[in-house]
Amino acid sequence: MSFAAQIEDGNGAISPIGSTLYGICNTAAATAAKVVTLADFDTLLTGITIHVKFTNSNTAASPTLNVNSTGAITIYAAGTTAPGTNVITSWAANGIVSFTYDGTYWRMNDTSANGTINTSLNTLTTDLASEVTNRSNAVTSAVQQIAPAYSTSSTYALNDLVTYNNTLYRCSTAITTAEAWTAGHWTAVTVANRLGKTLKFTSTAVATTAWASDGTYSAQGYAFRASVALTGVTSSMIPEVVFAMADACSGNFAPVADTYNGGVYLYASIKPTATVTIPVIVCKLVN
């Protein structure tokens, strides 16, 4: 091994002083075992410093460096921290990195700078994770203020609102027996959908002749349906109905309704024996 200057340690070993040992490492970025060949290097001595140009960056965790087949030795940066898996905390392609062998590890030089970078990145990562958590909690809180969380021990009527996995849903199939979450029974809606333009129709009189037998919700006990024409209503709107009647059918109307292009379908368990006045509120979907 040739050096600009050298010293014998008393045991016959030669240590370099002021030497420049340079080589090129072509190991792939994802391969942890980095290999380099240096001219005039044949003995691994404590305190020796080398300079390596890496053709590729490093994306492998806990990389090692094998210089002239002297063994795969762990690389450390920032004290006892392995280089990171990106060019900020490790090295970039075609970057030249100097290493000093401390008798056990190859230490990347300028570790104080690397340590500052690692500390800053760790702080940034922690802050970002905290911000993501805070925003997620805020979204969850906002959604749950609109509707309660879905319960596997509850029943739901058509158009009931619940939240599930931080998403707002409207019941599209009445759930008369408590069940596990069934996606097919619910339709996702947005706050804009739910709180969009509201069209309110009041004092809608439904004559007895408007009611006819219908099996749409017969399983829920509503065997009759009336078609109520309302200008401006389409099938994409969400209906809400409030029954205000003064006949023997009080309490026998379904708490839900369906919309169609041009009106609203109302449902009852018993056919009304008199004209019923029904206030109707229809929420227009905003897409």
C-alpha atoms as a PDB file:
ATOM      1  CA  MET A   1       0.000   0.000   0.000  1.00  0.00           C
ATOM      2  CA  SER A   2       1.450   3.393  -0.956  1.00  0.00           C
ATOM      3  CA  PHE A   3       0.799   6.625   0.931  1.00  0.00           C
ATOM      4  CA  ALA A   4       1.984  10.215   0.801  1.00  0.00           C
ATOM      5  CA  ALA A   5       3.354   9.593   4.289  1.00  0.00           C
ATOM      6  CA  GLN A   6       3.133   6.621   6.625  1.00  0.00           C
ATOM      7  CA  ILE A   7       3.989   5.563  10.158  1.00  0.00           C
ATOM      8  CA  GLU A   8       4.734   2.211  11.793  1.00  0.00           C
ATOM      9  CA  ASP A   9       2.794   1.527  14.971  1.00  0.00           C
ATOM     10  CA  GLY A  10       5.468  -0.569  16.647  1.00  0.00           C
ATOM     11  CA  ASN A  11       3.874  -3.869  15.780  1.00  0.00           C
ATOM     12  CA  GLY A  12       4.910  -3.785  12.180  1.00  0.00           C
ATOM     13  CA  ALA A  13       1.601  -2.315  10.923  1.00  0.00           C
ATOM     14  CA  ILE A  14       1.677   0.704   8.665  1.00  0.00           C
ATOM     15  CA  SER A  15      -0.890   3.491   9.136  1.00  0.00           C
ATOM     16  CA  PRO A  16      -1.537   6.090   6.452  1.00  0.00           C
ATOM     17  CA  ILE A  17      -1.050   9.807   6.953  1.00  0.00           C
ATOM     18  CA  GLY A  18      -2.409  12.314   4.464  1.00  0.00           C
ATOM     19  CA  SER A  19      -3.359   9.568   2.020  1.00  0.00           C
ATOM     20  CA  THR A  20      -5.978   9.852  -0.715  1.00  0.00           C
ATOM     21  CA  LEU A  21      -7.716   6.557  -1.395  1.00  0.00           C
ATOM     22  CA  TYR A  22     -10.427   6.852  -4.018  1.00  0.00           C
ATOM     23  CA  GLY A  23     -12.668   4.331  -5.729  1.00  0.00           C
ATOM     24  CA  ILE A  24     -16.014   3.945  -7.483  1.00  0.00           C
ATOM     25  CA  CYS A  25     -18.922   1.857  -6.168  1.00  0.00           C
ATOM     26  CA  ASN A  26     -21.356   0.611  -8.807  1.00  0.00           C
ATOM     27  CA  THR A  27     -23.599  -1.373  -6.441  1.00  0.00           C
ATOM     28  CA  ALA A  28     -27.327  -0.951  -7.109  1.00  0.00           C
ATOM     29  CA  ALA A  29     -29.194   1.482  -4.867  1.00  0.00           C
ATOM     30  CA  ALA A  30     -31.470  -1.214  -3.409  1.00  0.00           C
ATOM     31  CA  THR A  31     -28.574  -3.579  -2.585  1.00  0.00           C
ATOM     32  CA  ALA A  32     -27.373  -3.181   1.011  1.00  0.00           C
ATOM     33  CA  ALA A  33     -23.962  -4.811   0.451  1.00  0.00           C
ATOM     34  CA  LYS A  34     -21.947  -2.037  -1.203  1.00  0.00           C
ATOM     35  CA  VAL A  35     -18.659  -3.077  -2.820  1.00  0.00           C
ATOM     36  CA  VAL A  36     -15.739  -0.877  -3.882  1.00  0.00           C
ATOM     37  CA  THR A  37     -12.210  -1.463  -5.116  1.00  0.00           C
ATOM     38  CA  LEU A  38      -9.479   1.046  -4.220  1.00  0.00           C
ATOM     39  CA  ALA A  39      -6.008   1.245  -5.682  1.00  0.00           C
ATOM     40  CA  ASP A  40      -3.173   0.837  -3.148  1.00  0.00           C
ATOM     41  CA  PHE A  41      -5.490  -0.537  -0.454  1.00  0.00           C
ATOM     42  CA  ASP A  42      -4.735  -3.965   0.985  1.00  0.00           C
ATOM     43  CA  THR A  43      -5.001  -3.583   4.780  1.00  0.00           C
ATOM     44  CA  LEU A  44      -7.942  -2.418   6.869  1.00  0.00           C
ATOM     45  CA  LEU A  45      -6.463  -0.139   9.514  1.00  0.00           C
ATOM     46  CA  THR A  46      -8.158   1.824  12.269  1.00  0.00           C
ATOM     47  CA  GLY A  47      -8.239   5.495  11.350  1.00  0.00           C
ATOM     48  CA  ILE A  48      -7.927   5.004   7.614  1.00  0.00           C
ATOM     49  CA  THR A  49     -10.077   7.354   5.550  1.00  0.00           C
ATOM     50  CA  ILE A  50     -11.322   6.574   2.055  1.00  0.00           C
ATOM     51  CA  HIS A  51     -13.328   8.441  -0.553  1.00  0.00           C
ATOM     52  CA  VAL A  52     -16.004   6.615  -2.546  1.00  0.00           C
ATOM     53  CA  LYS A  53     -17.974   7.814  -5.545  1.00  0.00           C
ATOM     54  CA  PHE A  54     -21.367   6.062  -5.636  1.00  0.00           C
ATOM     55  CA  THR A  55     -22.767   5.615  -9.130  1.00  0.00           C
ATOM     56  CA  ASN A  56     -26.179   5.020  -7.566  1.00  0.00           C
ATOM     57  CA  SER A  57     -27.975   6.486  -4.590  1.00  0.00           C
ATOM     58  CA  ASN A  58     -28.830   4.321  -1.584  1.00  0.00           C
ATOM     59  CA  THR A  59     -32.334   3.001  -0.931  1.00  0.00           C
ATOM     60  CA  ALA A  60     -31.321   0.031   1.247  1.00  0.00           C
ATOM     61  CA  ALA A  61     -31.624   0.009   5.013  1.00  0.00           C
ATOM     62  CA  SER A  62     -28.507  -0.748   7.085  1.00  0.00           C
ATOM     63  CA  PRO A  63     -25.973  -0.781   4.216  1.00  0.00           C
ATOM     64  CA  THR A  64     -22.493  -2.266   4.523  1.00  0.00           C
ATOM     65  CA  LEU A  65     -19.256  -1.438   2.713  1.00  0.00           C
ATOM     66  CA  ASN A  66     -16.750  -4.037   1.536  1.00  0.00           C
ATOM     67  CA  VAL A  67     -13.482  -2.439   0.469  1.00  0.00           C
ATOM     68  CA  ASN A  68     -11.117  -4.647  -1.536  1.00  0.00           C
ATOM     69  CA  SER A  69     -12.738  -7.812  -0.080  1.00  0.00           C
ATOM     70  CA  THR A  70     -11.835  -6.870   3.512  1.00  0.00           C
ATOM     71  CA  GLY A  71     -15.369  -7.772   4.627  1.00  0.00           C
ATOM     72  CA  ALA A  72     -18.841  -6.297   4.659  1.00  0.00           C
ATOM     73  CA  ILE A  73     -18.629  -3.710   7.404  1.00  0.00           C
ATOM     74  CA  THR A  74     -21.641  -1.760   8.674  1.00  0.00           C
ATOM     75  CA  ILE A  75     -21.847   1.893   7.668  1.00  0.00           C
ATOM     76  CA  TYR A  76     -22.857   4.416  10.290  1.00  0.00           C
ATOM     77  CA  ALA A  77     -23.813   8.058  10.065  1.00  0.00           C
ATOM     78  CA  ALA A  78     -24.742  10.534  12.790  1.00  0.00           C
ATOM     79  CA  GLY A  79     -23.138   8.592  15.599  1.00  0.00           C
ATOM     80  CA  THR A  80     -24.714   5.151  15.732  1.00  0.00           C
ATOM     81  CA  THR A  81     -27.409   5.676  13.114  1.00  0.00           C
ATOM     82  CA  ALA A  82     -27.405   3.823   9.837  1.00  0.00           C
ATOM     83  CA  PRO A  83     -27.754   6.002   6.730  1.00  0.00           C
ATOM     84  CA  GLY A  84     -31.304   6.653   5.670  1.00  0.00           C
ATOM     85  CA  THR A  85     -32.927   5.181   2.600  1.00  0.00           C
ATOM     86  CA  ASN A  86     -33.120   8.442   0.665  1.00  0.00           C
ATOM     87  CA  VAL A  87     -30.605  10.896  -0.732  1.00  0.00           C
ATOM     88  CA  ILE A  88     -31.275  13.440   2.004  1.00  0.00           C
ATOM     89  CA  THR A  89     -29.991  11.223   4.820  1.00  0.00           C
ATOM     90  CA  SER A  90     -27.696   8.986   2.748  1.00  0.00           C
ATOM     91  CA  TRP A  91     -26.112   9.953  -0.572  1.00  0.00           C
ATOM     92  CA  ALA A  92     -27.209  10.896  -4.055  1.00  0.00           C
ATOM     93  CA  ALA A  93     -26.214   9.203  -7.296  1.00  0.00           C
ATOM     94  CA  ASN A  94     -22.669  10.202  -8.318  1.00  0.00           C
ATOM     95  CA  GLY A  95     -22.047  11.661  -4.874  1.00  0.00           C
ATOM     96  CA  ILE A  96     -18.576  11.308  -3.315  1.00  0.00           C
ATOM     97  CA  VAL A  97     -18.649  10.238   0.334  1.00  0.00           C
ATOM     98  CA  SER A  98     -15.696   9.948   2.689  1.00  0.00           C
ATOM     99  CA  PHE A  99     -15.564   7.201   5.325  1.00  0.00           C
ATOM    100  CA  THR A 100     -13.262   6.602   8.282  1.00  0.00           C
ATOM    101  CA  TYR A 101     -12.780   3.121   9.758  1.00  0.00           C
ATOM    102  CA  ASP A 102     -12.967   3.265  13.584  1.00  0.00           C
ATOM    103  CA  GLY A 103     -11.917  -0.318  14.152  1.00  0.00           C
ATOM    104  CA  THR A 104     -15.504  -1.633  13.987  1.00  0.00           C
ATOM    105  CA  TYR A 105     -17.546   0.408  11.524  1.00  0.00           C
ATOM    106  CA  TRP A 106     -17.149   2.577   8.450  1.00  0.00           C
ATOM    107  CA  ARG A 107     -18.239   6.023   9.653  1.00  0.00           C
ATOM    108  CA  MET A 108     -19.575   8.565   7.183  1.00  0.00           C
ATOM    109  CA  ASN A 109     -17.779  11.869   7.799  1.00  0.00           C
ATOM    110  CA  ASP A 110     -19.619  15.123   8.568  1.00  0.00           C
ATOM    111  CA  THR A 111     -21.845  13.155  10.942  1.00  0.00           C
ATOM    112  CA  SER A 112     -22.756  16.297  12.851  1.00  0.00           C
ATOM    113  CA  ALA A 113     -24.442  17.651   9.730  1.00  0.00           C
ATOM    114  CA  ASN A 114     -26.090  14.296   9.079  1.00  0.00           C
ATOM    115  CA  GLY A 115     -27.275  14.215  12.657  1.00  0.00           C
ATOM    116  CA  THR A 116     -28.876  17.648  12.294  1.00  0.00           C
ATOM    117  CA  ILE A 117     -30.602  16.524   9.091  1.00  0.00           C
ATOM    118  CA  ASN A 118     -31.869  13.329  10.723  1.00  0.00           C
ATOM    119  CA  THR A 119     -33.139  15.227  13.744  1.00  0.00           C
ATOM    120  CA  SER A 120     -34.921  17.759  11.541  1.00  0.00           C
ATOM    121  CA  LEU A 121     -36.471  15.016   9.417  1.00  0.00           C
ATOM    122  CA  ASN A 122     -37.619  13.083  12.469  1.00  0.00           C
ATOM    123  CA  THR A 123     -39.198  16.254  13.872  1.00  0.00           C
ATOM    124  CA  LEU A 124     -40.867  16.996  10.538  1.00  0.00           C
ATOM    125  CA  THR A 125     -42.180  13.432  10.278  1.00  0.00           C
ATOM    126  CA  THR A 126     -43.615  13.624  13.810  1.00  0.00           C
ATOM    127  CA  ASP A 127     -45.230  17.001  13.114  1.00  0.00           C
ATOM    128  CA  LEU A 128     -46.750  15.776   9.850  1.00  0.00           C
ATOM    129  CA  ALA A 129     -48.126  12.638  11.511  1.00  0.00           C
ATOM    130  CA  SER A 130     -49.642  14.786  14.257  1.00  0.00           C
ATOM    131  CA  GLU A 131     -51.193  17.148  11.697  1.00  0.00           C
ATOM    132  CA  VAL A 132     -52.691  14.231   9.749  1.00  0.00           C
ATOM    133  CA  THR A 133     -54.172  12.848  12.969  1.00  0.00           C
ATOM    134  CA  ASN A 134     -55.581  16.239  13.974  1.00  0.00           C
ATOM    135  CA  ARG A 135     -57.174  16.793  10.561  1.00  0.00           C
ATOM    136  CA  SER A 136     -58.610  13.288  10.545  1.00  0.00           C
ATOM    137  CA  ASN A 137     -60.110  13.822  13.997  1.00  0.00           C
ATOM    138  CA  ALA A 138     -61.578  17.151  12.862  1.00  0.00           C
ATOM    139  CA  VAL A 139     -63.205  15.523   9.841  1.00  0.00           C
ATOM    140  CA  THR A 140     -64.558  12.707  12.007  1.00  0.00           C
ATOM    141  CA  SER A 141     -65.977  15.193  14.506  1.00  0.00           C
ATOM    142  CA  ALA A 142     -67.595  17.292  11.776  1.00  0.00           C
ATOM    143  CA  VAL A 143     -69.201  14.278  10.107  1.00  0.00           C
ATOM    144  CA  GLN A 144     -70.456  12.846  13.386  1.00  0.00           C
ATOM    145  CA  GLN A 145     -72.136  16.147  14.230  1.00  0.00           C
ATOM    146  CA  ILE A 146     -74.302  15.644  11.147  1.00  0.00           C
ATOM    147  CA  ALA A 147     -75.232  12.030  11.879  1.00  0.00           C
ATOM    148  CA  PRO A 148     -74.465   9.363  14.509  1.00  0.00           C
ATOM    149  CA  ALA A 149     -72.103   6.481  13.868  1.00  0.00           C
ATOM    150  CA  TYR A 150     -73.637   3.302  12.459  1.00  0.00           C
ATOM    151  CA  SER A 151     -74.694   0.837  15.155  1.00  0.00           C
ATOM    152  CA  THR A 152     -74.950  -2.908  14.607  1.00  0.00           C
ATOM    153  CA  SER A 153     -77.582  -3.031  17.348  1.00  0.00           C
ATOM    154  CA  SER A 154     -79.955  -0.456  15.809  1.00  0.00           C
ATOM    155  CA  THR A 155     -82.646  -0.474  13.134  1.00  0.00           C
ATOM    156  CA  TYR A 156     -82.960   2.228  10.468  1.00  0.00           C
ATOM    157  CA  ALA A 157     -85.721   3.668   8.327  1.00  0.00           C
ATOM    158  CA  LEU A 158     -85.293   4.814   4.761  1.00  0.00           C
ATOM    159  CA  ASN A 159     -83.328   8.081   4.461  1.00  0.00           C
ATOM    160  CA  ASP A 160     -81.888   7.834   7.973  1.00  0.00           C
ATOM    161  CA  LEU A 161     -78.361   9.255   8.083  1.00  0.00           C
ATOM    162  CA  VAL A 162     -75.356   7.592   9.724  1.00  0.00           C
ATOM    163  CA  THR A 163     -71.593   7.815   9.549  1.00  0.00           C
ATOM    164  CA  TYR A 164     -69.408   4.814   8.787  1.00  0.00           C
ATOM    165  CA  ASN A 165     -65.624   4.959   8.350  1.00  0.00           C
ATOM    166  CA  ASN A 166     -65.870   8.767   8.480  1.00  0.00           C
ATOM    167  CA  THR A 167     -68.283   8.812   5.530  1.00  0.00           C
ATOM    168  CA  LEU A 168     -71.869  10.060   5.581  1.00  0.00           C
ATOM    169  CA  TYR A 169     -74.502   7.559   4.363  1.00  0.00           C
ATOM    170  CA  ARG A 170     -78.261   7.633   3.727  1.00  0.00           C
ATOM    171  CA  CYS A 171     -80.303   4.482   4.303  1.00  0.00           C
ATOM    172  CA  SER A 172     -81.548   3.208   0.932  1.00  0.00           C
ATOM    173  CA  THR A 173     -83.034  -0.058   2.217  1.00  0.00           C
ATOM    174  CA  ALA A 174     -84.953  -0.014   5.484  1.00  0.00           C
ATOM    175  CA  ILE A 175     -83.219  -2.090   8.159  1.00  0.00           C
ATOM    176  CA  THR A 176     -85.898  -3.578  10.393  1.00  0.00           C
ATOM    177  CA  THR A 177     -83.576  -6.062  12.085  1.00  0.00           C
ATOM    178  CA  ALA A 178     -80.218  -4.969  13.478  1.00  0.00           C
ATOM    179  CA  GLU A 179     -77.352  -6.158  11.301  1.00  0.00           C
ATOM    180  CA  ALA A 180     -73.668  -5.749  10.555  1.00  0.00           C
ATOM    181  CA  TRP A 181     -72.791  -2.999   8.118  1.00  0.00           C
ATOM    182  CA  THR A 182     -74.124  -3.918   4.669  1.00  0.00           C
ATOM    183  CA  ALA A 183     -72.910  -1.554   1.965  1.00  0.00           C
ATOM    184  CA  GLY A 184     -75.805  -2.397  -0.338  1.00  0.00           C
ATOM    185  CA  HIS A 185     -78.279  -0.941   2.142  1.00  0.00           C
ATOM    186  CA  TRP A 186     -76.672   2.498   2.173  1.00  0.00           C
ATOM    187  CA  THR A 187     -75.849   5.312  -0.260  1.00  0.00           C
ATOM    188  CA  ALA A 188     -72.899   7.604   0.371  1.00  0.00           C
ATOM    189  CA  VAL A 189     -73.831  11.283   0.415  1.00  0.00           C
ATOM    190  CA  THR A 190     -71.832  14.460   0.907  1.00  0.00           C
ATOM    191  CA  VAL A 191     -72.595  17.359   3.187  1.00  0.00           C
ATOM    192  CA  ALA A 192     -73.275  19.401   0.049  1.00  0.00           C
ATOM    193  CA  ASN A 193     -75.694  16.716  -1.133  1.00  0.00           C
ATOM    194  CA  ARG A 194     -77.521  16.802   2.146  1.00  0.00           C
ATOM    195  CA  LEU A 195     -77.493  20.516   2.761  1.00  0.00           C
ATOM    196  CA  GLY A 196     -77.988  21.645  -0.821  1.00  0.00           C
ATOM    197  CA  LYS A 197     -80.807  23.757  -2.149  1.00  0.00           C
ATOM    198  CA  THR A 198     -84.010  22.976  -0.286  1.00  0.00           C
ATOM    199  CA  LEU A 199     -87.385  23.038  -2.028  1.00  0.00           C
ATOM    200  CA  LYS A 200     -90.266  23.193   0.427  1.00  0.00           C
ATOM    201  CA  PHE A 201     -93.842  22.328  -0.501  1.00  0.00           C
ATOM    202  CA  THR A 202     -96.589  22.755   2.079  1.00  0.00           C
ATOM    203  CA  SER A 203    -100.259  21.867   2.423  1.00  0.00           C
ATOM    204  CA  THR A 204    -100.138  19.151  -0.181  1.00  0.00           C
ATOM    205  CA  ALA A 205    -103.597  17.562  -0.222  1.00  0.00           C
ATOM    206  CA  VAL A 206    -103.697  13.862  -1.090  1.00  0.00           C
ATOM    207  CA  ALA A 207    -107.144  12.545  -1.973  1.00  0.00           C
ATOM    208  CA  THR A 208    -108.271   9.039  -1.068  1.00  0.00           C
ATOM    209  CA  THR A 209    -108.364   8.168  -4.782  1.00  0.00           C
ATOM    210  CA  ALA A 210    -104.590   8.793  -5.024  1.00  0.00           C
ATOM    211  CA  TRP A 211    -103.814   5.716  -2.919  1.00  0.00           C
ATOM    212  CA  ALA A 212    -103.332   2.328  -4.567  1.00  0.00           C
ATOM    213  CA  SER A 213    -101.942  -1.040  -3.512  1.00  0.00           C
ATOM    214  CA  ASP A 214     -98.173  -1.247  -3.872  1.00  0.00           C
ATOM    215  CA  GLY A 215     -95.567  -3.787  -2.771  1.00  0.00           C
ATOM    216  CA  THR A 216     -92.467  -1.549  -2.653  1.00  0.00           C
ATOM    217  CA  TYR A 217     -92.373  -1.473   1.141  1.00  0.00           C
ATOM    218  CA  SER A 218     -94.885  -4.153   1.970  1.00  0.00           C
ATOM    219  CA  ALA A 219     -92.221  -6.012   3.933  1.00  0.00           C
ATOM    220  CA  GLN A 220     -92.053  -2.983   6.232  1.00  0.00           C
ATOM    221  CA  GLY A 221     -95.829  -2.928   6.609  1.00  0.00           C
ATOM    222  CA  TYR A 222     -96.713  -0.212   4.079  1.00  0.00           C
ATOM    223  CA  ALA A 223     -99.019  -1.679   1.435  1.00  0.00           C
ATOM    224  CA  PHE A 224    -100.370   1.505  -0.185  1.00  0.00           C
ATOM    225  CA  ARG A 225     -98.743   4.223  -2.227  1.00  0.00           C
ATOM    226  CA  ALA A 226     -99.887   7.649  -3.413  1.00  0.00           C
ATOM    227  CA  SER A 227     -98.290   9.664  -6.207  1.00  0.00           C
ATOM    228  CA  VAL A 228     -98.143  13.369  -5.364  1.00  0.00           C
ATOM    229  CA  ALA A 229     -97.183  15.651  -8.254  1.00  0.00           C
ATOM    230  CA  LEU A 230     -94.808  18.436  -7.187  1.00  0.00           C
ATOM    231  CA  THR A 231     -93.308  20.841  -9.705  1.00  0.00           C
ATOM    232  CA  GLY A 232     -89.532  20.831  -9.863  1.00  0.00           C
ATOM    233  CA  VAL A 233     -88.985  17.475  -8.143  1.00  0.00           C
ATOM    234  CA  THR A 234     -86.733  14.870  -9.787  1.00  0.00           C
ATOM    235  CA  SER A 235     -85.874  11.314  -8.842  1.00  0.00           C
ATOM    236  CA  SER A 236     -82.396  12.406  -7.663  1.00  0.00           C
ATOM    237  CA  MET A 237     -83.810  14.533  -4.841  1.00  0.00           C
ATOM    238  CA  ILE A 238     -84.025  13.402  -1.239  1.00  0.00           C
ATOM    239  CA  PRO A 239     -87.561  13.613   0.176  1.00  0.00           C
ATOM    240  CA  GLU A 240     -88.590  14.354   3.716  1.00  0.00           C
ATOM    241  CA  VAL A 241     -92.274  14.225   4.631  1.00  0.00           C
ATOM    242  CA  VAL A 242     -94.258  15.237   7.677  1.00  0.00           C
ATOM    243  CA  PHE A 243     -97.792  13.897   7.906  1.00  0.00           C
ATOM    244  CA  ALA A 244    -100.436  16.218   9.331  1.00  0.00           C
ATOM    245  CA  MET A 245    -103.778  14.405   9.145  1.00  0.00           C
ATOM    246  CA  ALA A 246    -107.011  14.413  11.046  1.00  0.00           C
ATOM    247  CA  ASP A 247    -108.527  11.067  10.185  1.00  0.00           C
ATOM    248  CA  ALA A 248    -108.523   7.521  11.458  1.00  0.00           C
ATOM    249  CA  CYS A 249    -105.286   6.727   9.641  1.00  0.00           C
ATOM    250  CA  SER A 250    -103.192   8.920  11.897  1.00  0.00           C
ATOM    251  CA  GLY A 251     -99.938   7.134  12.699  1.00  0.00           C
ATOM    252  CA  ASN A 252    -100.233   4.619   9.859  1.00  0.00           C
ATOM    253  CA  PHE A 253     -98.092   6.454   7.320  1.00  0.00           C
ATOM    254  CA  ALA A 254     -94.531   5.538   6.462  1.00  0.00           C
ATOM    255  CA  PRO A 255     -91.898   7.924   7.867  1.00  0.00           C
ATOM    256  CA  VAL A 256     -90.188   7.910   4.461  1.00  0.00           C
ATOM    257  CA  ALA A 257     -90.954   8.680   0.838  1.00  0.00           C
ATOM    258  CA  ASP A 258     -89.455   8.243  -2.620  1.00  0.00           C
ATOM    259  CA  THR A 259     -89.054  10.852  -5.312  1.00  0.00           C
ATOM    260  CA  TYR A 260     -89.745  10.473  -8.998  1.00  0.00           C
ATOM    261  CA  ASN A 261     -89.465  12.904 -11.873  1.00  0.00           C
ATOM    262  CA  GLY A 262     -92.380  15.221 -11.195  1.00  0.00           C
ATOM    263  CA  GLY A 263     -93.363  14.295  -7.667  1.00  0.00           C
ATOM    264  CA  VAL A 264     -93.130  12.247  -4.500  1.00  0.00           C
ATOM    265  CA  TYR A 265     -94.364   8.746  -3.651  1.00  0.00           C
ATOM    266  CA  LEU A 266     -95.946   8.476  -0.191  1.00  0.00           C
ATOM    267  CA  TYR A 267     -96.646   5.204   1.620  1.00  0.00           C
ATOM    268  CA  ALA A 268     -99.234   4.059   4.163  1.00  0.00           C
ATOM    269  CA  SER A 269    -100.073   0.858   6.007  1.00  0.00           C
ATOM    270  CA  ILE A 270    -103.830   1.522   5.757  1.00  0.00           C
ATOM    271  CA  LYS A 271    -105.531   3.289   2.883  1.00  0.00           C
ATOM    272  CA  PRO A 272    -106.690   6.738   4.103  1.00  0.00           C
ATOM    273  CA  THR A 273    -110.439   7.252   4.302  1.00  0.00           C
ATOM    274  CA  ALA A 274    -110.211  11.006   3.785  1.00  0.00           C
ATOM    275  CA  THR A 275    -108.066  13.602   2.079  1.00  0.00           C
ATOM    276  CA  VAL A 276    -104.778  13.984   3.925  1.00  0.00           C
ATOM    277  CA  THR A 277    -102.759  17.200   4.044  1.00  0.00           C
ATOM    278  CA  ILE A 278     -99.026  16.511   3.986  1.00  0.00           C
ATOM    279  CA  PRO A 279     -96.188  19.058   4.249  1.00  0.00           C
ATOM    280  CA  VAL A 280     -93.291  17.891   2.095  1.00  0.00           C
ATOM    281  CA  ILE A 281     -89.679  19.060   2.105  1.00  0.00           C
ATOM    282  CA  VAL A 282     -87.417  17.954  -0.726  1.00  0.00           C
ATOM    283  CA  CYS A 283     -83.641  18.405  -0.608  1.00  0.00           C
ATOM    284  CA  LYS A 284     -82.067  18.852  -4.029  1.00  0.00           C
ATOM    285  CA  LEU A 285     -78.771  17.015  -4.551  1.00  0.00           C
ATOM    286  CA  VAL A 286     -75.852  19.271  -5.414  1.00  0.00           C
ATOM    287  CA  ASN A 287     -73.393  17.434  -7.668  1.00  0.00           C
END
